[in-house]
Amino acid sequence: MILYYIYKMSIVFQPDNSTIQFGDSQGNIPHNGVLSSNIVGTDILSPTFPTTSTGSSLGHYHYTNSSSFALQLLNVSGSGDGGHEFWNCSNTNAPVKYFTVNKNNAVLDTRLINSTGKTVLDLTGNSLTVTSSDNRFQNSVQTYQILMTDGLSNTSTTTTPSKYQVADGSLNTSSTIRSGLIQIGDTTDLTTLSQTQLQIGKRDSSYVTTLNETNLTIADTTNTSILSSTKLTFNNYNVKMNQVTPTLIYSSPVIYADGHEPATSLTIRNTYGYSGWYYKNSPPNTPNKINWYFPPAKANVTLVSDLKGISISFFNGANTSNDNCLFLTVYTVPTGSGDYAPGFFHSANTYVFNPTITPTANTNYQGVAVINKNLVPSNYETQIQYQQSTVNNPKGTYSQSDKVLAVVIGTNSAAATNSVELVVNKLNLHYDDFTQSYLLIPP
């Protein structure tokens, strides 16, 4: 049964099993039990705070926490997002919603009141975002980072537990500070400063420059230069290598030893302006070859590994066969154990004129062995990269730790008569810190 009461000309609707709670003379209305509103046409919740889904029920309820006695405001939203909205109006403003909270987020929006911006607490993404009134600036606080953005300049600042980063989206540049590390770069270039080095280069490592406590390294995909307190190297070859120490060499049996002695060709000197030690395998030359011996930097001390390269400047006369070009042989000091030629040499390695190239008669050449010819300067001569011979070579066990006995200029003893003709101007032995240049003075 539903009862209707007329109280001071007011009609009061009262459901069955309910009572009317009146206020006092001051207008205070004490209320016992759960206060609910906007529940017409929907299932009413029980007086106990629900612990499961409330189905299609709608309304607003005031519960009390049974443990802490805190006020529990419950919005029952059925199939909607629900939540709570806080509005304000005044004698100058129509109602304005300035705070909204629902199951997904909480939004504090005061732009319509004082143009100060909007604040969003994202309960799902676990973040707090503050936006300026003109939407240009936005700050976001998340569990792992703080993000500040400027939409007009397309810049941002990000702070995380491990780094601090400033980025410019318009220029694709960024600066990052980590513990012990600073990085500045764009999509192609990157500069890194750490406790031990400064590195500037391309992200794809095509170019990298590194400065540390001991050296400066400049590199690309194929070449590397290193400057230290003691040397400057290009691809592991010291620039000091090209500091030349010249020595004048005159003909001596100590040098031509078991080969033919050098001669002088006035014809080549007068015709081609080239001078030095001349040899041609013409009768009655005996023996029909040359073996000209030149010493290393330090006798019985210089190692094969110390000899970084050999270059020889020579004039090729009447010869068009690479087999008949002069060759270079490095002999090592005999050790008494495993010597290839006991009492003479321990091992030997021979380098020959590039077998794929046909020499041109009456031409100035520079033959370069061991070292890359691009690292050896040349003057008015054709550079030829000498190759390690494949014929019975090397002789013995040729090791980098062997001591150099001599570097020898030789020719093919089996060549046909008059098919070998040459003038050697100089022989250069390239070491890590200097180049010994033997200048051959015509007899």
Protein backbone atom coordinates (compact mmCIF):
# COMPACT_ATOMS: atom_id res chain seq x y z
CA MET A 1 0.00 0.00 0.00
CA ILE A 2 1.26 3.46 -0.86
CA LEU A 3 0.23 6.28 1.42
CA TYR A 4 -0.03 9.96 0.61
CA TYR A 5 0.19 12.59 3.36
CA ILE A 6 -0.69 16.26 3.13
CA TYR A 7 1.80 18.20 5.24
CA LYS A 8 1.40 21.98 5.23
CA MET A 9 -0.17 21.79 1.83
CA SER A 10 2.59 19.47 0.44
CA ILE A 11 2.03 16.01 -0.97
CA VAL A 12 4.50 13.43 0.30
CA PHE A 13 4.98 10.12 -1.54
CA GLN A 14 5.81 7.27 0.79
CA PRO A 15 6.37 3.63 -0.25
CA ASP A 16 5.27 0.73 1.87
CA ASN A 17 7.38 -0.16 4.90
CA SER A 18 8.89 3.32 5.07
CA THR A 19 8.81 6.24 7.47
CA ILE A 20 9.16 9.99 7.11
CA GLN A 21 12.22 11.60 8.74
CA PHE A 22 11.56 15.24 9.62
CA GLY A 23 14.04 18.01 10.21
CA ASP A 24 14.40 20.20 13.27
CA SER A 25 13.48 23.84 13.67
CA GLN A 26 16.84 24.89 12.27
CA GLY A 27 16.28 23.02 9.04
CA ASN A 28 18.68 20.16 9.89
CA ILE A 29 17.57 16.80 8.57
CA PRO A 30 19.15 13.85 10.37
CA HIS A 31 18.99 10.73 8.21
CA ASN A 32 19.33 7.16 9.33
CA GLY A 33 20.40 4.40 6.90
CA VAL A 34 21.55 4.63 3.31
CA LEU A 35 20.71 7.82 1.42
CA SER A 36 19.84 7.21 -2.24
CA SER A 37 18.46 9.34 -5.09
CA ASN A 38 17.37 9.12 -8.73
CA ILE A 39 16.37 5.52 -8.34
CA VAL A 40 12.86 5.67 -9.83
CA GLY A 41 12.16 2.89 -12.31
CA THR A 42 15.21 0.81 -11.37
CA ASP A 43 16.10 -1.89 -8.87
CA ILE A 44 17.04 -0.44 -5.48
CA LEU A 45 20.28 -1.63 -3.89
CA SER A 46 20.35 -3.21 -0.47
CA PRO A 47 21.46 -1.22 2.62
CA THR A 48 24.79 -3.07 2.48
CA PHE A 49 27.56 -1.80 0.23
CA PRO A 50 27.51 -4.08 -2.83
CA THR A 51 30.42 -6.43 -3.54
CA THR A 52 29.35 -7.59 -7.00
CA SER A 53 28.01 -6.08 -10.21
CA THR A 54 24.85 -3.97 -9.71
CA GLY A 55 23.34 -4.94 -13.08
CA SER A 56 21.02 -2.39 -14.69
CA SER A 57 20.41 -0.44 -11.47
CA LEU A 58 20.76 3.34 -11.61
CA GLY A 59 21.11 5.96 -8.93
CA HIS A 60 23.36 7.60 -6.34
CA TYR A 61 23.99 6.15 -2.89
CA HIS A 62 25.62 7.31 0.32
CA TYR A 63 27.13 4.42 2.24
CA THR A 64 29.34 4.34 5.31
CA ASN A 65 32.52 2.27 5.48
CA SER A 66 31.93 -0.17 8.29
CA SER A 67 35.58 -0.12 9.34
CA SER A 68 36.72 3.50 8.95
CA PHE A 69 33.21 5.04 8.87
CA ALA A 70 34.26 7.05 5.81
CA LEU A 71 31.56 8.30 3.44
CA GLN A 72 31.27 6.03 0.39
CA LEU A 73 29.71 7.82 -2.57
CA LEU A 74 28.47 5.20 -5.01
CA ASN A 75 27.28 6.02 -8.51
CA VAL A 76 25.34 3.11 -10.01
CA SER A 77 25.51 3.58 -13.77
CA GLY A 78 24.07 0.45 -15.34
CA SER A 79 25.58 0.19 -18.84
CA GLY A 80 27.04 3.75 -18.80
CA ASP A 81 30.50 4.96 -17.74
CA GLY A 82 28.95 6.72 -14.77
CA GLY A 83 31.14 8.65 -12.38
CA HIS A 84 30.73 12.05 -10.76
CA GLU A 85 30.54 15.52 -12.24
CA PHE A 86 31.16 18.76 -10.38
CA TRP A 87 29.53 21.90 -11.72
CA ASN A 88 29.52 25.56 -10.77
CA CYS A 89 27.47 28.58 -11.69
CA SER A 90 27.25 32.12 -10.43
CA ASN A 91 25.58 35.42 -11.10
CA THR A 92 27.84 35.80 -14.14
CA ASN A 93 28.40 32.22 -15.31
CA ALA A 94 25.96 29.58 -16.47
CA PRO A 95 26.63 26.11 -15.06
CA VAL A 96 30.17 24.97 -15.94
CA LYS A 97 31.51 21.47 -15.49
CA TYR A 98 35.00 21.79 -13.98
CA PHE A 99 35.66 18.31 -12.60
CA THR A 100 34.67 14.87 -13.87
CA VAL A 101 35.65 11.50 -12.46
CA ASN A 102 34.60 8.10 -13.79
CA LYS A 103 35.94 4.57 -13.94
CA ASN A 104 38.49 5.59 -16.62
CA ASN A 105 39.81 8.98 -15.62
CA ALA A 106 39.43 12.20 -13.69
CA VAL A 107 39.33 15.52 -15.60
CA LEU A 108 39.76 18.93 -14.02
CA ASP A 109 38.80 21.49 -16.67
CA THR A 110 38.74 25.15 -15.64
CA ARG A 111 39.29 26.72 -19.04
CA LEU A 112 35.69 27.82 -19.25
CA ILE A 113 36.04 29.55 -15.90
CA ASN A 114 39.46 31.20 -15.83
CA SER A 115 41.34 29.91 -18.91
CA THR A 116 43.95 28.12 -16.86
CA GLY A 117 43.83 24.81 -18.73
CA LYS A 118 42.79 21.21 -18.18
CA THR A 119 44.02 18.48 -15.83
CA VAL A 120 43.34 14.81 -16.53
CA LEU A 121 44.03 11.96 -14.14
CA ASP A 122 43.96 8.79 -16.24
CA LEU A 123 43.04 5.94 -13.92
CA THR A 124 43.45 3.34 -16.67
CA GLY A 125 46.81 4.51 -18.03
CA ASN A 126 47.96 5.56 -14.58
CA SER A 127 48.94 9.09 -15.65
CA LEU A 128 48.30 12.75 -14.82
CA THR A 129 48.15 15.21 -17.74
CA VAL A 130 48.00 19.02 -17.49
CA THR A 131 47.17 21.02 -20.63
CA SER A 132 47.37 24.80 -21.10
CA SER A 133 44.25 26.77 -22.04
CA ASP A 134 45.48 27.22 -25.64
CA ASN A 135 46.41 23.51 -25.92
CA ARG A 136 50.03 24.46 -26.73
CA PHE A 137 51.73 23.13 -23.61
CA GLN A 138 51.08 19.76 -22.03
CA ASN A 139 52.74 18.03 -19.08
CA SER A 140 52.21 14.36 -18.35
CA VAL A 141 53.28 12.42 -15.27
CA GLN A 142 53.33 8.63 -15.54
CA THR A 143 54.67 5.90 -13.31
CA TYR A 144 57.94 5.73 -15.31
CA GLN A 145 58.35 9.21 -16.84
CA ILE A 146 57.49 12.92 -16.87
CA LEU A 147 56.76 14.35 -20.33
CA MET A 148 56.57 18.08 -21.19
CA THR A 149 55.60 19.13 -24.73
CA ASP A 150 55.28 22.35 -26.71
CA GLY A 151 52.92 21.81 -29.63
CA LEU A 152 53.85 25.04 -31.39
CA SER A 153 57.60 24.41 -31.55
CA ASN A 154 57.17 20.62 -31.68
CA THR A 155 59.62 20.16 -28.81
CA SER A 156 59.45 17.89 -25.81
CA THR A 157 61.30 17.08 -22.60
CA THR A 158 61.19 13.59 -21.13
CA THR A 159 62.43 12.54 -17.70
CA THR A 160 62.65 8.89 -16.68
CA PRO A 161 64.53 7.14 -13.88
CA SER A 162 67.42 6.46 -16.28
CA LYS A 163 67.56 9.48 -18.60
CA TYR A 164 66.66 13.12 -19.33
CA GLN A 165 65.84 13.86 -22.98
CA VAL A 166 65.06 17.05 -24.93
CA ALA A 167 63.78 16.60 -28.50
CA ASP A 168 62.83 18.85 -31.42
CA GLY A 169 60.44 17.10 -33.77
CA SER A 170 60.77 19.78 -36.45
CA LEU A 171 64.54 19.27 -36.74
CA ASN A 172 64.54 15.58 -35.78
CA THR A 173 67.16 16.35 -33.13
CA SER A 174 67.42 15.20 -29.53
CA SER A 175 69.73 15.50 -26.53
CA THR A 176 69.86 12.77 -23.90
CA ILE A 177 71.53 12.73 -20.50
CA ARG A 178 72.09 9.40 -18.80
CA SER A 179 74.21 8.43 -15.85
CA GLY A 180 77.75 9.08 -17.08
CA LEU A 181 76.62 9.73 -20.67
CA ILE A 182 75.42 12.67 -22.82
CA GLN A 183 74.15 12.12 -26.37
CA ILE A 184 73.22 14.75 -28.99
CA GLY A 185 72.00 13.77 -32.45
CA ASP A 186 69.48 13.66 -35.25
CA THR A 187 68.38 10.85 -37.54
CA THR A 188 71.83 10.56 -39.18
CA ASP A 189 74.42 12.00 -36.77
CA LEU A 190 75.20 11.24 -33.14
CA THR A 191 77.61 12.79 -30.63
CA THR A 192 78.30 10.95 -27.37
CA LEU A 193 80.20 12.20 -24.31
CA SER A 194 81.07 9.71 -21.58
CA GLN A 195 83.49 9.63 -18.66
CA THR A 196 86.28 8.34 -20.91
CA GLN A 197 85.64 9.64 -24.43
CA LEU A 198 83.92 12.02 -26.84
CA GLN A 199 82.57 10.40 -29.99
CA ILE A 200 81.18 12.16 -33.08
CA GLY A 201 79.87 10.23 -36.04
CA LYS A 202 77.11 8.81 -38.18
CA ARG A 203 74.50 6.51 -36.65
CA ASP A 204 75.32 3.92 -39.31
CA SER A 205 79.02 4.08 -38.26
CA SER A 206 80.11 5.15 -41.77
CA TYR A 207 82.12 7.91 -40.07
CA VAL A 208 83.23 7.88 -36.43
CA THR A 209 85.59 10.28 -34.64
CA THR A 210 86.61 9.36 -31.09
CA LEU A 211 88.65 11.39 -28.59
CA ASN A 212 89.79 9.70 -25.39
CA GLU A 213 92.59 10.08 -22.83
CA THR A 214 95.27 8.65 -25.10
CA ASN A 215 94.34 9.28 -28.73
CA LEU A 216 92.11 10.77 -31.41
CA THR A 217 90.65 8.24 -33.86
CA ILE A 218 89.01 9.16 -37.17
CA ALA A 219 87.47 6.32 -39.17
CA ASP A 220 85.10 5.47 -41.98
CA THR A 221 84.05 2.05 -43.24
CA THR A 222 87.46 1.35 -44.82
CA ASN A 223 90.07 3.67 -43.27
CA THR A 224 91.23 4.54 -39.75
CA SER A 225 93.58 7.31 -38.57
CA ILE A 226 94.87 7.49 -34.99
CA LEU A 227 96.74 10.37 -33.38
CA SER A 228 98.46 9.65 -30.06
CA SER A 229 101.17 11.37 -28.04
CA THR A 230 103.85 9.43 -29.90
CA LYS A 231 102.56 8.78 -33.41
CA LEU A 232 99.99 9.40 -36.15
CA THR A 233 98.87 6.32 -38.06
CA PHE A 234 96.79 5.75 -41.17
CA ASN A 235 95.40 2.19 -41.30
CA ASN A 236 98.03 1.15 -38.73
CA TYR A 237 100.91 2.76 -40.67
CA ASN A 238 102.72 5.55 -38.86
CA VAL A 239 103.19 8.90 -40.63
CA LYS A 240 106.73 8.86 -39.27
CA MET A 241 107.29 6.08 -41.75
CA ASN A 242 107.61 8.76 -44.42
CA GLN A 243 110.28 10.65 -42.53
CA VAL A 244 113.10 9.70 -44.86
CA THR A 245 116.69 9.04 -43.86
CA PRO A 246 118.73 9.03 -47.11
CA THR A 247 121.98 7.11 -47.48
CA LEU A 248 124.24 7.27 -50.54
CA ILE A 249 125.26 3.81 -51.71
CA TYR A 250 128.25 3.17 -53.99
CA SER A 251 128.99 -0.06 -55.77
CA SER A 252 130.71 -2.58 -53.53
CA PRO A 253 131.32 -6.35 -53.59
CA VAL A 254 129.71 -6.44 -50.13
CA ILE A 255 126.46 -5.40 -51.80
CA TYR A 256 126.48 -7.17 -55.18
CA ALA A 257 128.08 -10.26 -53.61
CA ASP A 258 127.15 -13.39 -55.64
CA GLY A 259 125.41 -11.38 -58.39
CA HIS A 260 126.63 -9.18 -61.20
CA GLU A 261 128.05 -5.81 -60.25
CA PRO A 262 126.18 -2.62 -61.24
CA ALA A 263 127.17 -0.52 -64.23
CA THR A 264 126.26 2.86 -65.71
CA SER A 265 124.07 3.51 -68.76
CA LEU A 266 124.79 6.89 -70.29
CA THR A 267 122.24 6.11 -73.00
CA ILE A 268 119.37 5.82 -70.53
CA ARG A 269 120.67 8.78 -68.51
CA ASN A 270 120.94 11.02 -71.60
CA THR A 271 117.75 9.80 -73.26
CA TYR A 272 115.40 9.44 -70.31
CA GLY A 273 117.11 11.47 -67.58
CA TYR A 274 117.28 8.44 -65.30
CA SER A 275 120.37 7.37 -63.37
CA GLY A 276 121.38 4.78 -60.81
CA TRP A 277 122.75 1.26 -60.86
CA TYR A 278 122.41 -0.24 -64.34
CA TYR A 279 122.20 -3.93 -65.29
CA LYS A 280 121.50 -5.81 -68.51
CA ASN A 281 121.88 -9.57 -68.93
CA SER A 282 124.01 -9.30 -72.03
CA PRO A 283 127.22 -11.24 -72.79
CA PRO A 284 129.73 -11.62 -71.36
CA ASN A 285 128.01 -10.85 -68.03
CA THR A 286 128.68 -13.62 -65.55
CA PRO A 287 126.74 -14.49 -63.47
CA ASN A 288 123.69 -13.73 -65.55
CA LYS A 289 121.71 -12.16 -62.70
CA ILE A 290 121.95 -9.66 -59.86
CA ASN A 291 121.71 -10.17 -56.10
CA TRP A 292 122.18 -6.78 -54.48
CA TYR A 293 122.05 -7.00 -50.67
CA PHE A 294 120.93 -4.16 -48.39
CA PRO A 295 121.01 -4.27 -44.58
CA PRO A 296 118.08 -3.72 -42.15
CA ALA A 297 117.90 -0.83 -39.68
CA LYS A 298 119.67 -2.77 -36.93
CA ALA A 299 121.74 -5.86 -37.58
CA ASN A 300 120.52 -8.96 -35.76
CA VAL A 301 117.76 -6.87 -34.10
CA THR A 302 115.26 -5.73 -36.73
CA LEU A 303 112.32 -8.15 -36.98
CA VAL A 304 110.22 -9.02 -40.01
CA SER A 305 107.31 -7.35 -38.20
CA ASP A 306 109.38 -4.13 -37.94
CA LEU A 307 109.70 -3.95 -41.71
CA LYS A 308 106.36 -2.38 -42.64
CA GLY A 309 107.07 -2.08 -46.34
CA ILE A 310 109.57 -2.02 -49.22
CA SER A 311 109.51 0.31 -52.21
CA ILE A 312 111.95 0.45 -55.09
CA SER A 313 112.27 3.06 -57.85
CA PHE A 314 113.59 1.65 -61.12
CA PHE A 315 113.67 2.22 -64.85
CA ASN A 316 112.48 -0.73 -66.94
CA GLY A 317 114.49 -0.84 -70.16
CA ALA A 318 114.07 -3.32 -73.00
CA ASN A 319 111.74 -5.67 -71.15
CA THR A 320 108.06 -6.49 -71.67
CA SER A 321 107.83 -9.59 -69.47
CA ASN A 322 106.78 -9.41 -65.83
CA ASP A 323 108.84 -12.57 -65.23
CA ASN A 324 111.95 -10.61 -66.20
CA CYS A 325 111.30 -7.63 -63.94
CA LEU A 326 113.43 -7.32 -60.82
CA PHE A 327 112.09 -9.00 -57.67
CA LEU A 328 112.61 -8.37 -53.94
CA THR A 329 113.50 -10.97 -51.32
CA VAL A 330 113.63 -10.64 -47.54
CA TYR A 331 116.13 -13.04 -45.95
CA THR A 332 116.15 -13.78 -42.23
CA VAL A 333 119.02 -14.50 -39.87
CA PRO A 334 119.87 -18.21 -39.46
CA THR A 335 119.06 -19.60 -36.03
CA GLY A 336 120.77 -22.95 -36.16
CA SER A 337 117.41 -24.70 -35.93
CA GLY A 338 115.19 -25.35 -38.94
CA ASP A 339 117.25 -23.07 -41.20
CA TYR A 340 116.32 -23.37 -44.87
CA ALA A 341 119.92 -22.71 -45.87
CA PRO A 342 122.13 -23.48 -42.84
CA GLY A 343 124.89 -20.96 -42.43
CA PHE A 344 123.19 -18.59 -44.90
CA PHE A 345 119.57 -17.82 -43.99
CA HIS A 346 116.76 -19.20 -41.86
CA SER A 347 113.85 -18.29 -44.18
CA ALA A 348 113.05 -16.04 -47.13
CA ASN A 349 110.05 -14.41 -48.75
CA THR A 350 110.06 -13.12 -52.33
CA TYR A 351 107.85 -10.41 -53.88
CA VAL A 352 107.42 -10.06 -57.65
CA PHE A 353 106.05 -7.63 -60.22
CA ASN A 354 102.27 -8.00 -60.44
CA PRO A 355 101.85 -11.04 -62.74
CA THR A 356 98.61 -9.65 -64.19
CA ILE A 357 100.36 -6.51 -65.50
CA THR A 358 102.58 -6.39 -68.59
CA PRO A 359 105.49 -4.01 -68.04
CA THR A 360 106.11 -1.25 -70.56
CA ALA A 361 109.62 -0.82 -71.94
CA ASN A 362 111.54 2.38 -71.13
CA THR A 363 109.20 3.31 -68.25
CA ASN A 364 109.79 4.58 -64.71
CA TYR A 365 108.28 2.26 -62.10
CA GLN A 366 107.94 2.13 -58.34
CA GLY A 367 107.45 -1.37 -57.00
CA VAL A 368 105.81 -1.57 -53.56
CA ALA A 369 105.84 -4.72 -51.41
CA VAL A 370 104.35 -5.65 -48.02
CA ILE A 371 102.70 -2.24 -47.59
CA ASN A 372 99.79 -0.93 -49.67
CA LYS A 373 101.13 1.21 -52.51
CA ASN A 374 98.55 3.92 -51.75
CA LEU A 375 100.44 4.64 -48.53
CA VAL A 376 103.78 5.25 -50.27
CA PRO A 377 104.48 8.56 -52.08
CA SER A 378 105.77 8.36 -55.64
CA ASN A 379 107.25 10.84 -58.08
CA TYR A 380 106.88 10.62 -61.86
CA GLU A 381 106.68 6.84 -61.83
CA THR A 382 104.05 4.15 -62.25
CA GLN A 383 103.31 2.36 -58.99
CA ILE A 384 103.07 -1.42 -59.08
CA GLN A 385 101.84 -3.46 -56.12
CA TYR A 386 104.33 -6.30 -55.82
CA GLN A 387 102.78 -9.67 -55.00
CA GLN A 388 104.15 -12.49 -52.88
CA SER A 389 105.61 -15.05 -55.27
CA THR A 390 103.74 -18.35 -55.61
CA VAL A 391 106.77 -20.29 -56.86
CA ASN A 392 108.56 -22.19 -54.07
CA ASN A 393 107.83 -19.33 -51.72
CA PRO A 394 108.26 -18.59 -48.92
CA LYS A 395 111.32 -20.65 -48.27
CA GLY A 396 111.39 -22.17 -44.80
CA THR A 397 109.15 -21.06 -41.94
CA TYR A 398 108.93 -17.31 -42.50
CA SER A 399 107.74 -15.70 -39.26
CA GLN A 400 107.07 -12.13 -38.18
CA SER A 401 109.37 -12.72 -35.23
CA ASP A 402 112.33 -13.71 -37.46
CA LYS A 403 115.21 -11.25 -37.58
CA VAL A 404 115.87 -9.58 -40.95
CA LEU A 405 119.25 -10.47 -42.47
CA ALA A 406 118.95 -8.44 -45.68
CA VAL A 407 116.62 -7.15 -48.36
CA VAL A 408 117.85 -8.26 -51.78
CA ILE A 409 117.18 -6.99 -55.30
CA GLY A 410 117.31 -9.91 -57.72
CA THR A 411 116.61 -10.86 -61.31
CA ASN A 412 115.67 -14.01 -63.21
CA SER A 413 118.84 -16.00 -63.98
CA ALA A 414 116.90 -18.06 -66.55
CA ALA A 415 115.84 -15.05 -68.62
CA ALA A 416 116.90 -14.97 -72.25
CA THR A 417 119.97 -12.92 -73.10
CA ASN A 418 119.31 -9.17 -73.43
CA SER A 419 115.73 -9.55 -72.12
CA VAL A 420 116.48 -7.99 -68.71
CA GLU A 421 117.44 -4.32 -68.57
CA LEU A 422 116.98 -1.98 -65.63
CA VAL A 423 118.32 0.97 -63.68
CA VAL A 424 117.65 1.09 -59.92
CA ASN A 425 117.55 4.61 -58.52
CA LYS A 426 116.70 3.91 -54.86
CA LEU A 427 115.49 1.28 -52.44
CA ASN A 428 113.29 2.32 -49.50
CA LEU A 429 112.83 0.22 -46.38
CA HIS A 430 109.78 1.47 -44.49
CA TYR A 431 109.75 1.07 -40.72
CA ASP A 432 107.16 2.20 -38.22
CA ASP A 433 108.98 5.41 -37.29
CA PHE A 434 111.10 6.26 -40.36
CA THR A 435 112.06 5.23 -43.90
CA GLN A 436 115.60 4.24 -44.77
CA SER A 437 116.25 5.35 -48.36
CA TYR A 438 119.26 3.81 -50.08
CA LEU A 439 120.21 6.11 -52.99
CA LEU A 440 122.25 4.19 -55.57
CA ILE A 441 125.09 6.26 -57.04
CA PRO A 442 126.17 5.17 -60.54
CA PRO A 443 129.66 3.64 -60.66
